[in-house]
Amino acid sequence: MSPINLALWVVGVILIGIGVSRARGPYQRYQALKAQDANVARYEQWRGGLRENSKTGASVAMAILRRRAQVGAGIAIAGVVVVVAGFAIH
């Protein structure tokens, strides 16, 4: 076990922690907005009204939150790759 391996493991674990913490909040809020949007769609269907497919504030917020969650997940995946690289390097 060399110092390079240890450094890669530490950096990888830090990246995983940062990525998970950055992705958790936006993902939870995105899921809540998605559920609320589905509820509104069911209500509109029950009422017999047609729902427009135009952009709403909620749809823009969902796109922003989805992108933030994707960036956080990407950071966490990079951390996993760094940890695996720490195991692969001899």
C-alpha atoms as a PDB file:
ATOM      1  CA  MET A   1       0.000   0.000   0.000  1.00  0.00           C
ATOM      2  CA  SER A   2       1.635   3.170  -1.207  1.00  0.00           C
ATOM      3  CA  PRO A   3       0.912   6.799  -0.408  1.00  0.00           C
ATOM      4  CA  ILE A   4      -0.571   7.204  -3.894  1.00  0.00           C
ATOM      5  CA  ASN A   5      -3.182   4.538  -3.153  1.00  0.00           C
ATOM      6  CA  LEU A   6      -4.101   6.165   0.136  1.00  0.00           C
ATOM      7  CA  ALA A   7      -4.310   9.594  -1.475  1.00  0.00           C
ATOM      8  CA  LEU A   8      -6.573   8.291  -4.234  1.00  0.00           C
ATOM      9  CA  TRP A   9      -8.832   6.554  -1.712  1.00  0.00           C
ATOM     10  CA  VAL A  10      -9.129   9.667   0.426  1.00  0.00           C
ATOM     11  CA  VAL A  11      -9.806  11.912  -2.576  1.00  0.00           C
ATOM     12  CA  GLY A  12     -12.337   9.411  -3.915  1.00  0.00           C
ATOM     13  CA  VAL A  13     -14.219   9.189  -0.620  1.00  0.00           C
ATOM     14  CA  ILE A  14     -14.270  12.993  -0.351  1.00  0.00           C
ATOM     15  CA  LEU A  15     -15.636  13.274  -3.903  1.00  0.00           C
ATOM     16  CA  ILE A  16     -18.315  10.683  -3.162  1.00  0.00           C
ATOM     17  CA  GLY A  17     -19.355  12.594  -0.052  1.00  0.00           C
ATOM     18  CA  ILE A  18     -19.474  15.921  -1.888  1.00  0.00           C
ATOM     19  CA  GLY A  19     -21.403  14.417  -4.790  1.00  0.00           C
ATOM     20  CA  VAL A  20     -23.993  12.729  -2.599  1.00  0.00           C
ATOM     21  CA  SER A  21     -24.501  15.843  -0.491  1.00  0.00           C
ATOM     22  CA  ARG A  22     -24.897  18.014  -3.617  1.00  0.00           C
ATOM     23  CA  ALA A  23     -27.311  15.607  -5.295  1.00  0.00           C
ATOM     24  CA  ARG A  24     -29.522  14.690  -2.343  1.00  0.00           C
ATOM     25  CA  GLY A  25     -31.367  17.984  -1.824  1.00  0.00           C
ATOM     26  CA  PRO A  26     -32.165  18.776  -5.468  1.00  0.00           C
ATOM     27  CA  TYR A  27     -33.192  15.168  -6.129  1.00  0.00           C
ATOM     28  CA  GLN A  28     -35.627  15.124  -3.212  1.00  0.00           C
ATOM     29  CA  ARG A  29     -37.144  18.453  -4.255  1.00  0.00           C
ATOM     30  CA  TYR A  30     -37.341  17.260  -7.883  1.00  0.00           C
ATOM     31  CA  GLN A  31     -39.241  14.145  -6.796  1.00  0.00           C
ATOM     32  CA  ALA A  32     -41.649  16.270  -4.747  1.00  0.00           C
ATOM     33  CA  LEU A  33     -42.322  18.608  -7.683  1.00  0.00           C
ATOM     34  CA  LYS A  34     -42.740  15.640 -10.005  1.00  0.00           C
ATOM     35  CA  ALA A  35     -45.307  14.070  -7.676  1.00  0.00           C
ATOM     36  CA  GLN A  36     -47.142  17.373  -7.355  1.00  0.00           C
ATOM     37  CA  ASP A  37     -47.166  17.784 -11.142  1.00  0.00           C
ATOM     38  CA  ALA A  38     -48.567  14.265 -11.570  1.00  0.00           C
ATOM     39  CA  ASN A  39     -51.253  15.064  -8.999  1.00  0.00           C
ATOM     40  CA  VAL A  40     -52.255  18.204 -10.905  1.00  0.00           C
ATOM     41  CA  ALA A  41     -52.362  16.200 -14.153  1.00  0.00           C
ATOM     42  CA  ARG A  42     -54.665  13.609 -12.555  1.00  0.00           C
ATOM     43  CA  TYR A  43     -56.907  16.359 -11.223  1.00  0.00           C
ATOM     44  CA  GLU A  44     -57.112  18.058 -14.629  1.00  0.00           C
ATOM     45  CA  GLN A  45     -57.943  14.723 -16.243  1.00  0.00           C
ATOM     46  CA  TRP A  46     -60.629  14.067 -13.625  1.00  0.00           C
ATOM     47  CA  ARG A  47     -62.121  17.498 -14.257  1.00  0.00           C
ATOM     48  CA  GLY A  48     -62.187  16.770 -17.967  1.00  0.00           C
ATOM     49  CA  GLY A  49     -59.989  19.694 -18.880  1.00  0.00           C
ATOM     50  CA  LEU A  50     -57.095  19.514 -21.236  1.00  0.00           C
ATOM     51  CA  ARG A  51     -53.722  20.391 -19.886  1.00  0.00           C
ATOM     52  CA  GLU A  52     -51.414  22.536 -21.973  1.00  0.00           C
ATOM     53  CA  ASN A  53     -47.886  21.346 -22.595  1.00  0.00           C
ATOM     54  CA  SER A  54     -46.418  24.818 -22.213  1.00  0.00           C
ATOM     55  CA  LYS A  55     -43.553  25.689 -19.894  1.00  0.00           C
ATOM     56  CA  THR A  56     -44.499  26.468 -16.345  1.00  0.00           C
ATOM     57  CA  GLY A  57     -42.446  27.680 -13.431  1.00  0.00           C
ATOM     58  CA  ALA A  58     -42.572  24.186 -11.963  1.00  0.00           C
ATOM     59  CA  SER A  59     -41.298  22.575 -15.166  1.00  0.00           C
ATOM     60  CA  VAL A  60     -38.383  25.022 -15.318  1.00  0.00           C
ATOM     61  CA  ALA A  61     -37.599  24.379 -11.645  1.00  0.00           C
ATOM     62  CA  MET A  62     -37.744  20.619 -12.247  1.00  0.00           C
ATOM     63  CA  ALA A  63     -35.272  20.945 -15.127  1.00  0.00           C
ATOM     64  CA  ILE A  64     -32.878  22.981 -12.978  1.00  0.00           C
ATOM     65  CA  LEU A  65     -33.154  20.568 -10.044  1.00  0.00           C
ATOM     66  CA  ARG A  66     -32.687  17.548 -12.312  1.00  0.00           C
ATOM     67  CA  ARG A  67     -29.517  19.097 -13.746  1.00  0.00           C
ATOM     68  CA  ARG A  68     -28.148  19.870 -10.261  1.00  0.00           C
ATOM     69  CA  ALA A  69     -28.828  16.295  -9.167  1.00  0.00           C
ATOM     70  CA  GLN A  70     -27.076  15.009 -12.293  1.00  0.00           C
ATOM     71  CA  VAL A  71     -24.000  17.135 -11.566  1.00  0.00           C
ATOM     72  CA  GLY A  72     -23.881  15.824  -7.983  1.00  0.00           C
ATOM     73  CA  ALA A  73     -24.253  12.250  -9.208  1.00  0.00           C
ATOM     74  CA  GLY A  74     -21.450  12.854 -11.708  1.00  0.00           C
ATOM     75  CA  ILE A  75     -19.156  14.041  -8.922  1.00  0.00           C
ATOM     76  CA  ALA A  76     -20.007  10.934  -6.868  1.00  0.00           C
ATOM     77  CA  ILE A  77     -19.338   8.679  -9.867  1.00  0.00           C
ATOM     78  CA  ALA A  78     -15.985  10.390 -10.388  1.00  0.00           C
ATOM     79  CA  GLY A  79     -15.214   9.647  -6.747  1.00  0.00           C
ATOM     80  CA  VAL A  80     -16.004   5.967  -7.272  1.00  0.00           C
ATOM     81  CA  VAL A  81     -13.696   5.930 -10.296  1.00  0.00           C
ATOM     82  CA  VAL A  82     -10.892   7.493  -8.241  1.00  0.00           C
ATOM     83  CA  VAL A  83     -11.366   4.914  -5.459  1.00  0.00           C
ATOM     84  CA  VAL A  84     -11.266   2.075  -8.007  1.00  0.00           C
ATOM     85  CA  ALA A  85      -8.142   3.633  -9.531  1.00  0.00           C
ATOM     86  CA  GLY A  86      -6.615   3.643  -6.045  1.00  0.00           C
ATOM     87  CA  PHE A  87      -7.163  -0.110  -5.852  1.00  0.00           C
ATOM     88  CA  ALA A  88      -5.947  -0.710  -9.416  1.00  0.00           C
ATOM     89  CA  ILE A  89      -2.631   1.125  -9.110  1.00  0.00           C
ATOM     90  CA  HIS A  90       0.159  -1.005  -7.666  1.00  0.00           C
END
